[in-house]
N, C-alpha and C. Protein backbone atom coordinates (compact mmCIF):
# COMPACT_ATOMS: atom_id res chain seq x y z
N MET A 1 101.10 94.95 109.83
CA MET A 1 100.82 95.94 108.54
C MET A 1 102.20 96.47 108.17
N ILE A 2 102.17 96.90 106.93
CA ILE A 2 103.41 97.34 106.29
C ILE A 2 103.03 98.70 105.51
N LYS A 3 103.83 99.89 106.01
CA LYS A 3 103.67 100.82 105.00
C LYS A 3 104.67 100.97 104.03
N HIS A 4 104.27 101.26 102.77
CA HIS A 4 105.28 101.40 101.59
C HIS A 4 105.09 102.78 101.08
N ILE A 5 106.25 103.51 101.22
CA ILE A 5 106.23 104.83 100.76
C ILE A 5 107.34 105.04 99.71
N VAL A 6 107.07 105.78 98.62
CA VAL A 6 107.69 106.00 97.41
C VAL A 6 107.57 107.62 97.14
N LEU A 7 108.70 108.16 97.04
CA LEU A 7 108.81 109.65 96.53
C LEU A 7 109.52 109.60 95.01
N PHE A 8 108.78 110.31 94.20
CA PHE A 8 109.15 110.42 92.94
C PHE A 8 109.51 111.97 92.51
N LYS A 9 110.61 112.07 91.82
CA LYS A 9 111.18 113.30 91.37
C LYS A 9 110.64 113.17 89.64
N LEU A 10 109.85 113.89 89.26
CA LEU A 10 109.29 114.00 88.00
C LEU A 10 110.37 114.72 86.99
N LYS A 11 110.32 114.24 85.73
CA LYS A 11 111.22 114.88 84.54
C LYS A 11 110.61 116.25 84.30
N ASP A 12 109.41 116.40 84.40
CA ASP A 12 108.49 117.50 84.05
C ASP A 12 107.48 117.74 85.18
N PRO A 13 107.38 118.52 86.12
CA PRO A 13 106.55 118.54 87.26
C PRO A 13 105.10 118.78 86.75
N SER A 14 104.94 119.23 85.51
CA SER A 14 103.51 119.46 84.92
C SER A 14 102.81 118.08 84.80
N HIS A 15 103.53 116.90 84.91
CA HIS A 15 102.96 115.57 84.96
C HIS A 15 102.38 115.07 86.24
N ALA A 16 102.40 116.04 87.14
CA ALA A 16 102.21 115.53 88.60
C ALA A 16 100.62 115.03 88.66
N GLN A 17 99.69 115.84 88.26
CA GLN A 17 98.31 115.46 88.49
C GLN A 17 98.01 114.19 87.73
N LYS A 18 98.41 113.95 86.45
CA LYS A 18 98.24 112.77 85.79
C LYS A 18 98.98 111.45 86.50
N THR A 19 100.23 111.94 87.23
CA THR A 19 100.87 110.73 87.70
C THR A 19 100.06 110.38 89.02
N ARG A 20 99.48 111.36 89.83
CA ARG A 20 98.71 111.13 91.04
C ARG A 20 97.45 110.38 90.57
N GLU A 21 96.78 110.69 89.69
CA GLU A 21 95.60 109.93 89.17
C GLU A 21 95.94 108.47 88.87
N MET A 22 97.07 108.40 88.16
CA MET A 22 97.45 106.93 87.62
C MET A 22 97.79 106.23 89.09
N LEU A 23 98.48 106.67 90.03
CA LEU A 23 98.67 106.05 91.19
C LEU A 23 97.48 105.49 91.87
N LEU A 24 96.54 106.56 92.08
CA LEU A 24 95.31 106.35 92.78
C LEU A 24 94.46 105.28 92.09
N SER A 25 94.62 105.20 90.70
CA SER A 25 93.65 104.24 90.13
C SER A 25 94.02 102.80 90.50
N MET A 26 95.02 102.59 91.26
CA MET A 26 95.33 101.13 91.98
C MET A 26 94.29 100.70 92.87
N LYS A 27 93.59 101.87 93.47
CA LYS A 27 92.76 101.57 94.52
C LYS A 27 91.43 100.63 94.03
N GLY A 28 91.14 99.69 94.48
CA GLY A 28 90.08 98.79 94.15
C GLY A 28 90.52 97.87 93.11
N VAL A 29 91.72 97.93 92.43
CA VAL A 29 92.19 97.30 91.47
C VAL A 29 93.13 96.12 92.00
N VAL A 30 94.21 96.80 92.68
CA VAL A 30 95.21 96.03 93.41
C VAL A 30 94.62 95.51 94.67
N GLU A 31 94.31 94.34 94.92
CA GLU A 31 93.46 94.07 96.09
C GLU A 31 94.37 93.97 97.27
N GLN A 32 95.74 93.89 97.21
CA GLN A 32 96.60 94.04 98.52
C GLN A 32 96.41 95.38 99.16
N ILE A 33 96.16 96.47 98.49
CA ILE A 33 96.13 97.76 98.97
C ILE A 33 94.96 97.89 99.99
N ARG A 34 95.37 98.22 101.16
CA ARG A 34 94.42 98.51 102.27
C ARG A 34 94.07 99.88 102.28
N GLU A 35 95.15 100.84 102.26
CA GLU A 35 94.89 102.31 102.12
C GLU A 35 95.92 102.79 101.17
N ILE A 36 95.64 103.87 100.60
CA ILE A 36 96.53 104.46 99.73
C ILE A 36 96.28 105.99 99.70
N GLU A 37 97.39 106.73 99.67
CA GLU A 37 97.37 108.26 99.69
C GLU A 37 98.45 108.74 98.62
N VAL A 38 98.23 109.66 97.88
CA VAL A 38 99.16 110.36 96.87
C VAL A 38 99.04 111.90 97.11
N GLY A 39 100.18 112.29 97.25
CA GLY A 39 100.19 113.87 97.66
C GLY A 39 101.09 114.64 96.64
N ILE A 40 100.80 115.50 96.06
CA ILE A 40 101.65 116.36 95.07
C ILE A 40 102.37 117.52 95.98
N ASP A 41 103.75 117.57 95.79
CA ASP A 41 104.52 118.61 96.51
C ASP A 41 104.16 120.01 96.30
N TYR A 42 104.13 120.88 97.28
CA TYR A 42 103.72 122.27 96.91
C TYR A 42 105.08 123.16 97.17
N ALA A 43 106.06 122.66 97.80
CA ALA A 43 107.36 123.31 98.16
C ALA A 43 108.16 123.77 96.84
N HIS A 44 108.26 122.84 95.98
CA HIS A 44 109.00 123.00 94.77
C HIS A 44 110.36 123.57 94.98
N THR A 45 111.12 123.05 96.03
CA THR A 45 112.62 123.31 96.43
C THR A 45 113.24 122.43 95.46
N GLU A 46 114.75 122.73 95.33
CA GLU A 46 115.61 121.82 94.77
C GLU A 46 115.59 120.46 95.42
N ARG A 47 115.42 120.41 96.67
CA ARG A 47 115.49 119.09 97.33
C ARG A 47 114.32 118.21 97.41
N SER A 48 113.12 119.03 96.99
CA SER A 48 111.95 118.51 96.94
C SER A 48 111.70 117.16 95.86
N PHE A 49 110.87 116.19 96.30
CA PHE A 49 110.30 115.23 95.25
C PHE A 49 108.89 115.76 94.96
N ASP A 50 108.48 115.49 93.69
CA ASP A 50 107.28 115.89 93.27
C ASP A 50 105.87 115.11 93.70
N ILE A 51 106.06 113.86 93.96
CA ILE A 51 104.89 113.03 94.35
C ILE A 51 105.35 112.21 95.48
N ALA A 52 104.25 112.04 96.39
CA ALA A 52 104.63 111.13 97.49
C ALA A 52 103.53 110.19 97.56
N LEU A 53 103.74 108.67 97.59
CA LEU A 53 102.88 107.76 97.55
C LEU A 53 103.09 106.87 98.69
N SER A 54 101.78 106.68 99.57
CA SER A 54 101.82 105.95 100.73
C SER A 54 100.78 104.96 100.50
N VAL A 55 101.31 103.55 100.77
CA VAL A 55 100.32 102.45 100.53
C VAL A 55 100.45 101.61 101.77
N ILE A 56 99.45 101.00 102.52
CA ILE A 56 99.36 100.19 103.49
C ILE A 56 98.86 98.89 103.15
N VAL A 57 99.85 97.87 103.33
CA VAL A 57 99.22 96.37 102.90
C VAL A 57 99.53 95.45 104.30
N ASP A 58 98.86 94.32 104.23
CA ASP A 58 98.80 93.42 105.51
C ASP A 58 100.13 93.22 105.96
N ASP A 59 100.86 92.49 105.15
CA ASP A 59 102.11 91.85 105.40
C ASP A 59 103.11 91.84 104.30
N GLN A 60 104.26 91.09 104.40
CA GLN A 60 105.25 91.12 103.47
C GLN A 60 104.90 90.32 102.29
N ALA A 61 103.86 89.34 102.44
CA ALA A 61 103.51 88.67 101.21
C ALA A 61 102.57 89.51 100.52
N ALA A 62 101.78 90.24 101.18
CA ALA A 62 100.86 91.26 100.35
C ALA A 62 101.69 92.53 99.66
N LEU A 63 102.79 92.76 100.12
CA LEU A 63 103.77 93.81 99.61
C LEU A 63 104.17 93.19 98.41
N ARG A 64 104.67 91.89 98.35
CA ARG A 64 105.03 91.16 97.35
C ARG A 64 104.08 91.12 96.17
N GLY A 65 102.87 90.83 96.64
CA GLY A 65 101.57 90.71 95.45
C GLY A 65 101.36 92.02 95.17
N TYR A 66 101.42 93.12 95.78
CA TYR A 66 101.30 94.41 95.26
C TYR A 66 102.26 94.66 94.28
N ALA A 67 103.65 94.38 94.62
CA ALA A 67 104.65 94.77 93.63
C ALA A 67 104.39 93.95 92.38
N GLU A 68 103.97 92.81 92.45
CA GLU A 68 103.93 91.92 91.24
C GLU A 68 102.45 91.97 90.55
N HIS A 69 101.54 92.60 91.03
CA HIS A 69 100.19 92.59 90.61
C HIS A 69 100.25 93.19 89.00
N PRO A 70 99.55 92.52 88.10
CA PRO A 70 99.72 92.88 86.69
C PRO A 70 99.41 94.45 86.43
N TYR A 71 98.41 95.01 87.15
CA TYR A 71 98.13 96.39 86.94
C TYR A 71 99.29 97.21 87.56
N HIS A 72 99.81 97.02 88.67
CA HIS A 72 100.84 97.86 89.22
C HIS A 72 102.10 97.56 88.45
N ALA A 73 102.46 96.44 88.11
CA ALA A 73 103.79 96.06 87.53
C ALA A 73 103.67 96.42 85.95
N GLY A 74 102.42 96.61 85.41
CA GLY A 74 102.28 96.79 83.89
C GLY A 74 102.02 98.43 83.77
N PRO A 75 100.73 98.60 83.37
CA PRO A 75 100.56 100.07 82.91
C PRO A 75 100.96 101.26 83.98
N VAL A 76 100.72 100.87 85.33
CA VAL A 76 101.05 101.96 86.32
C VAL A 76 102.71 102.21 86.37
N ARG A 77 103.30 101.21 86.46
CA ARG A 77 104.81 101.31 86.43
C ARG A 77 105.20 101.88 85.27
N THR A 78 104.83 101.26 84.30
CA THR A 78 105.38 101.92 82.75
C THR A 78 105.08 103.52 82.71
N TYR A 79 103.90 103.67 83.17
CA TYR A 79 103.86 105.25 83.00
C TYR A 79 104.57 106.02 83.93
N VAL A 80 104.58 105.61 85.19
CA VAL A 80 105.27 106.52 86.24
C VAL A 80 107.02 106.45 85.78
N GLN A 81 107.52 105.30 85.36
CA GLN A 81 108.86 105.23 84.90
C GLN A 81 109.22 106.14 83.98
N SER A 82 107.96 106.35 83.02
CA SER A 82 108.37 107.04 81.72
C SER A 82 108.40 108.61 82.05
N VAL A 83 107.74 109.12 83.29
CA VAL A 83 107.77 110.44 83.66
C VAL A 83 108.58 110.73 84.86
N SER A 84 109.23 109.82 85.38
CA SER A 84 110.05 109.99 86.53
C SER A 84 111.68 110.04 86.11
N GLU A 85 112.43 110.87 87.00
CA GLU A 85 113.62 110.84 86.71
C GLU A 85 114.53 109.92 87.90
N LYS A 86 113.76 109.95 89.08
CA LYS A 86 114.37 109.05 89.94
C LYS A 86 113.14 108.89 91.10
N SER A 87 113.40 107.89 92.03
CA SER A 87 112.55 107.59 93.04
C SER A 87 113.26 107.19 94.23
N VAL A 88 112.72 107.12 95.49
CA VAL A 88 113.31 106.55 96.70
C VAL A 88 112.10 105.88 97.45
N ILE A 89 112.43 104.85 98.06
CA ILE A 89 111.44 103.77 98.66
C ILE A 89 111.82 103.57 99.96
N ALA A 90 110.76 103.34 100.96
CA ALA A 90 110.87 102.97 102.26
C ALA A 90 109.73 102.11 102.67
N ASP A 91 109.96 100.82 103.15
CA ASP A 91 108.93 99.86 103.59
C ASP A 91 109.33 99.60 105.06
N TYR A 92 108.16 99.78 105.96
CA TYR A 92 108.41 99.48 107.37
C TYR A 92 107.16 99.09 107.90
N GLU A 93 107.32 98.24 109.08
CA GLU A 93 106.13 97.65 109.75
C GLU A 93 105.49 98.88 110.55
N ILE A 94 104.09 98.82 110.55
CA ILE A 94 103.39 99.82 111.49
C ILE A 94 102.56 98.97 112.38
């Protein structure tokens, strides 16, 4: 199994709830997702990111399928990129 983690710094933190909802909308649509969690940061420090996404998939093929899925690669990515100023990603086996 692989855990895929993405942290997002938003251009405007007021978009956090809508971004969380958009990311969570992948559950049940992107079939490669086994588990998904999306959290909104409450610390709001200079070093903080605003949103944390954690997704679990079965293997590297499923991770590629998730990344290329039309819903993830289309409306979700388009929206998130429009409200984010930067992101960092980590993928690792669990």
